[in-house]
């Protein structure tokens, strides 16, 4: 299995996200599991000078997006620092795990093209702080395998 951290989804991934799902699937809550890898030093696209570390820049984004998710009816259900891998192997370990519960795929999708200036600024901090991530969409289920 090849693992590639990215900052943004590919076109194919975006297409899959926005495809119509089975009855009701677009309206049920989704959990986005974020495996985050931070830059050592933040790097802003506009070239601004900064003394922020990657995690410090990302925290600015996290404050903004957490409030946004909550305003939409979601929440951050889990966040932690990654310590080590106990089973398996990857070339480079992620720094943090965050699980965000969105009220629905539809609501998350509609909020992905923000026009709010504060949220747009947040995305600049996200880009500056992240080296890359894996973002895994999941849904709650009563059984492990349906």
C-alpha atoms as a PDB file:
ATOM      1  CA  UNK A   1       0.000   0.000   0.000  1.00  0.00           C
ATOM      2  CA  UNK A   2       1.407   3.351  -1.038  1.00  0.00           C
ATOM      3  CA  UNK A   3       0.681   6.320   1.234  1.00  0.00           C
ATOM      4  CA  UNK A   4       0.852   9.893  -0.085  1.00  0.00           C
ATOM      5  CA  UNK A   5       0.114  12.888   2.086  1.00  0.00           C
ATOM      6  CA  UNK A   6      -1.609  15.703   0.200  1.00  0.00           C
ATOM      7  CA  UNK A   7      -2.981  19.123   1.091  1.00  0.00           C
ATOM      8  CA  UNK A   8      -5.922  19.012  -1.331  1.00  0.00           C
ATOM      9  CA  UNK A   9      -7.966  16.214  -2.893  1.00  0.00           C
ATOM     10  CA  UNK A  10      -7.479  15.232  -6.522  1.00  0.00           C
ATOM     11  CA  UNK A  11     -10.193  15.922  -9.119  1.00  0.00           C
ATOM     12  CA  UNK A  12     -11.153  12.248  -9.010  1.00  0.00           C
ATOM     13  CA  UNK A  13     -11.499  12.366  -5.224  1.00  0.00           C
ATOM     14  CA  UNK A  14     -13.628  15.520  -5.425  1.00  0.00           C
ATOM     15  CA  UNK A  15     -15.821  13.940  -8.078  1.00  0.00           C
ATOM     16  CA  UNK A  16     -16.336  10.912  -5.842  1.00  0.00           C
ATOM     17  CA  UNK A  17     -17.203  13.120  -2.898  1.00  0.00           C
ATOM     18  CA  UNK A  18     -19.890  15.004  -4.817  1.00  0.00           C
ATOM     19  CA  UNK A  19     -21.440  11.988  -6.573  1.00  0.00           C
ATOM     20  CA  UNK A  20     -25.000  11.266  -5.565  1.00  0.00           C
ATOM     21  CA  UNK A  21     -25.095   8.448  -3.053  1.00  0.00           C
ATOM     22  CA  UNK A  22     -27.756   5.894  -2.179  1.00  0.00           C
ATOM     23  CA  UNK A  23     -30.965   7.145  -0.584  1.00  0.00           C
ATOM     24  CA  UNK A  24     -30.177   9.331   2.392  1.00  0.00           C
ATOM     25  CA  UNK A  25     -26.392   8.894   2.328  1.00  0.00           C
ATOM     26  CA  UNK A  26     -25.818  12.539   1.423  1.00  0.00           C
ATOM     27  CA  UNK A  27     -27.873  13.584   4.449  1.00  0.00           C
ATOM     28  CA  UNK A  28     -26.373  11.355   7.166  1.00  0.00           C
ATOM     29  CA  UNK A  29     -23.531  12.535   9.422  1.00  0.00           C
ATOM     30  CA  UNK A  30     -20.004  11.828   8.220  1.00  0.00           C
ATOM     31  CA  UNK A  31     -16.806  11.628  10.203  1.00  0.00           C
ATOM     32  CA  UNK A  32     -13.658  12.900   8.561  1.00  0.00           C
ATOM     33  CA  UNK A  33     -10.547  11.272   9.999  1.00  0.00           C
ATOM     34  CA  UNK A  34      -7.614  13.627   9.444  1.00  0.00           C
ATOM     35  CA  UNK A  35      -4.051  12.313   9.733  1.00  0.00           C
ATOM     36  CA  UNK A  36      -1.996  15.504   9.803  1.00  0.00           C
ATOM     37  CA  UNK A  37       1.682  16.112   9.053  1.00  0.00           C
ATOM     38  CA  UNK A  38       2.913  19.631   9.832  1.00  0.00           C
ATOM     39  CA  UNK A  39       5.712  21.647   8.301  1.00  0.00           C
ATOM     40  CA  UNK A  40       8.572  22.462  10.626  1.00  0.00           C
ATOM     41  CA  UNK A  41       8.124  26.174   9.768  1.00  0.00           C
ATOM     42  CA  UNK A  42       4.984  27.699   8.271  1.00  0.00           C
ATOM     43  CA  UNK A  43       5.245  28.677   4.593  1.00  0.00           C
ATOM     44  CA  UNK A  44       2.667  31.123   3.255  1.00  0.00           C
ATOM     45  CA  UNK A  45       1.962  31.203  -0.487  1.00  0.00           C
ATOM     46  CA  UNK A  46       1.944  35.005  -0.488  1.00  0.00           C
ATOM     47  CA  UNK A  47       5.561  34.964   0.731  1.00  0.00           C
ATOM     48  CA  UNK A  48       4.868  36.746   4.024  1.00  0.00           C
ATOM     49  CA  UNK A  49       7.542  36.473   6.663  1.00  0.00           C
ATOM     50  CA  UNK A  50       6.566  34.458   9.716  1.00  0.00           C
ATOM     51  CA  UNK A  51       8.094  32.948  12.798  1.00  0.00           C
ATOM     52  CA  UNK A  52       5.225  30.490  13.152  1.00  0.00           C
ATOM     53  CA  UNK A  53       5.832  26.771  13.158  1.00  0.00           C
ATOM     54  CA  UNK A  54       3.615  24.628  10.972  1.00  0.00           C
ATOM     55  CA  UNK A  55       1.535  23.533  13.940  1.00  0.00           C
ATOM     56  CA  UNK A  56       1.106  27.130  15.131  1.00  0.00           C
ATOM     57  CA  UNK A  57      -0.176  28.170  11.695  1.00  0.00           C
ATOM     58  CA  UNK A  58      -2.474  25.144  11.524  1.00  0.00           C
ATOM     59  CA  UNK A  59      -3.882  25.948  14.990  1.00  0.00           C
ATOM     60  CA  UNK A  60      -5.027  29.322  13.622  1.00  0.00           C
ATOM     61  CA  UNK A  61      -6.940  27.410  10.936  1.00  0.00           C
ATOM     62  CA  UNK A  62      -8.207  24.867  13.471  1.00  0.00           C
ATOM     63  CA  UNK A  63      -9.754  27.617  15.617  1.00  0.00           C
ATOM     64  CA  UNK A  64     -11.585  29.033  12.598  1.00  0.00           C
ATOM     65  CA  UNK A  65     -12.763  25.718  11.102  1.00  0.00           C
ATOM     66  CA  UNK A  66     -13.843  24.314  14.474  1.00  0.00           C
ATOM     67  CA  UNK A  67     -16.142  27.297  15.007  1.00  0.00           C
ATOM     68  CA  UNK A  68     -17.419  26.935  11.426  1.00  0.00           C
ATOM     69  CA  UNK A  69     -18.168  23.221  11.845  1.00  0.00           C
ATOM     70  CA  UNK A  70     -19.975  23.903  15.118  1.00  0.00           C
ATOM     71  CA  UNK A  71     -22.067  26.660  13.507  1.00  0.00           C
ATOM     72  CA  UNK A  72     -23.148  24.101  10.895  1.00  0.00           C
ATOM     73  CA  UNK A  73     -24.153  21.594  13.595  1.00  0.00           C
ATOM     74  CA  UNK A  74     -21.016  19.449  13.653  1.00  0.00           C
ATOM     75  CA  UNK A  75     -18.157  19.054  16.091  1.00  0.00           C
ATOM     76  CA  UNK A  76     -14.579  17.950  16.557  1.00  0.00           C
ATOM     77  CA  UNK A  77     -15.078  14.587  18.246  1.00  0.00           C
ATOM     78  CA  UNK A  78     -11.432  13.642  18.788  1.00  0.00           C
ATOM     79  CA  UNK A  79      -7.956  15.125  18.507  1.00  0.00           C
ATOM     80  CA  UNK A  80      -4.616  13.776  19.611  1.00  0.00           C
ATOM     81  CA  UNK A  81      -0.892  13.905  19.107  1.00  0.00           C
ATOM     82  CA  UNK A  82       0.502  10.826  17.354  1.00  0.00           C
ATOM     83  CA  UNK A  83       3.098   9.057  19.482  1.00  0.00           C
ATOM     84  CA  UNK A  84       4.082   6.005  17.428  1.00  0.00           C
ATOM     85  CA  UNK A  85       2.796   3.210  15.235  1.00  0.00           C
ATOM     86  CA  UNK A  86       2.284  -0.026  17.134  1.00  0.00           C
ATOM     87  CA  UNK A  87       1.240  -2.184  14.161  1.00  0.00           C
ATOM     88  CA  UNK A  88       2.285  -1.688  10.553  1.00  0.00           C
ATOM     89  CA  UNK A  89       4.843   0.577   8.961  1.00  0.00           C
ATOM     90  CA  UNK A  90       4.923   3.938   7.203  1.00  0.00           C
ATOM     91  CA  UNK A  91       7.924   5.889   6.007  1.00  0.00           C
ATOM     92  CA  UNK A  92       6.964   8.972   7.993  1.00  0.00           C
ATOM     93  CA  UNK A  93       4.671   9.270  10.981  1.00  0.00           C
ATOM     94  CA  UNK A  94       1.828  11.805  11.113  1.00  0.00           C
ATOM     95  CA  UNK A  95       1.897  14.424  13.860  1.00  0.00           C
ATOM     96  CA  UNK A  96      -1.776  14.486  14.845  1.00  0.00           C
ATOM     97  CA  UNK A  97      -5.153  12.813  14.381  1.00  0.00           C
ATOM     98  CA  UNK A  98      -8.369  14.846  14.299  1.00  0.00           C
ATOM     99  CA  UNK A  99     -11.868  13.485  13.733  1.00  0.00           C
ATOM    100  CA  UNK A 100     -14.469  16.010  12.640  1.00  0.00           C
ATOM    101  CA  UNK A 101     -18.156  15.111  12.625  1.00  0.00           C
ATOM    102  CA  UNK A 102     -20.037  16.959   9.899  1.00  0.00           C
ATOM    103  CA  UNK A 103     -23.856  17.011   9.972  1.00  0.00           C
ATOM    104  CA  UNK A 104     -23.898  15.580   6.448  1.00  0.00           C
ATOM    105  CA  UNK A 105     -21.843  15.116   3.310  1.00  0.00           C
ATOM    106  CA  UNK A 106     -24.074  17.716   1.623  1.00  0.00           C
ATOM    107  CA  UNK A 107     -23.404  20.354   4.288  1.00  0.00           C
ATOM    108  CA  UNK A 108     -19.674  19.680   4.238  1.00  0.00           C
ATOM    109  CA  UNK A 109     -19.619  19.896   0.448  1.00  0.00           C
ATOM    110  CA  UNK A 110     -21.535  23.167   0.402  1.00  0.00           C
ATOM    111  CA  UNK A 111     -19.080  24.687   2.865  1.00  0.00           C
ATOM    112  CA  UNK A 112     -15.993  23.673   0.845  1.00  0.00           C
ATOM    113  CA  UNK A 113     -16.241  26.716  -1.433  1.00  0.00           C
ATOM    114  CA  UNK A 114     -16.335  29.427   1.209  1.00  0.00           C
ATOM    115  CA  UNK A 115     -17.034  33.044   0.463  1.00  0.00           C
ATOM    116  CA  UNK A 116     -16.570  34.125   4.088  1.00  0.00           C
ATOM    117  CA  UNK A 117     -13.324  36.134   4.295  1.00  0.00           C
ATOM    118  CA  UNK A 118     -12.502  34.796   7.773  1.00  0.00           C
ATOM    119  CA  UNK A 119     -12.769  31.197   6.550  1.00  0.00           C
ATOM    120  CA  UNK A 120     -10.684  31.983   3.466  1.00  0.00           C
ATOM    121  CA  UNK A 121      -7.988  33.400   5.726  1.00  0.00           C
ATOM    122  CA  UNK A 122      -8.165  30.189   7.731  1.00  0.00           C
ATOM    123  CA  UNK A 123      -7.365  28.167   4.626  1.00  0.00           C
ATOM    124  CA  UNK A 124      -4.177  30.218   4.155  1.00  0.00           C
ATOM    125  CA  UNK A 125      -3.030  29.123   7.619  1.00  0.00           C
ATOM    126  CA  UNK A 126      -3.955  25.516   6.804  1.00  0.00           C
ATOM    127  CA  UNK A 127      -1.827  25.559   3.640  1.00  0.00           C
ATOM    128  CA  UNK A 128       1.051  27.270   5.428  1.00  0.00           C
ATOM    129  CA  UNK A 129       1.081  24.797   8.287  1.00  0.00           C
ATOM    130  CA  UNK A 130       0.428  21.477   6.587  1.00  0.00           C
ATOM    131  CA  UNK A 131       3.066  19.410   4.893  1.00  0.00           C
ATOM    132  CA  UNK A 132       0.278  17.016   3.961  1.00  0.00           C
ATOM    133  CA  UNK A 133      -2.517  14.842   5.286  1.00  0.00           C
ATOM    134  CA  UNK A 134      -4.743  11.881   4.726  1.00  0.00           C
ATOM    135  CA  UNK A 135      -8.452  12.669   4.998  1.00  0.00           C
ATOM    136  CA  UNK A 136     -10.621   9.591   5.406  1.00  0.00           C
ATOM    137  CA  UNK A 137     -14.408   9.801   5.099  1.00  0.00           C
ATOM    138  CA  UNK A 138     -16.295   7.425   7.358  1.00  0.00           C
ATOM    139  CA  UNK A 139     -19.815   6.869   8.656  1.00  0.00           C
ATOM    140  CA  UNK A 140     -21.057   5.542  11.955  1.00  0.00           C
ATOM    141  CA  UNK A 141     -22.410   2.004  11.862  1.00  0.00           C
ATOM    142  CA  UNK A 142     -23.791  -0.502  14.342  1.00  0.00           C
ATOM    143  CA  UNK A 143     -21.651  -3.293  12.932  1.00  0.00           C
ATOM    144  CA  UNK A 144     -18.079  -3.289  11.758  1.00  0.00           C
ATOM    145  CA  UNK A 145     -18.934  -4.598   8.312  1.00  0.00           C
ATOM    146  CA  UNK A 146     -22.246  -3.995   6.545  1.00  0.00           C
END
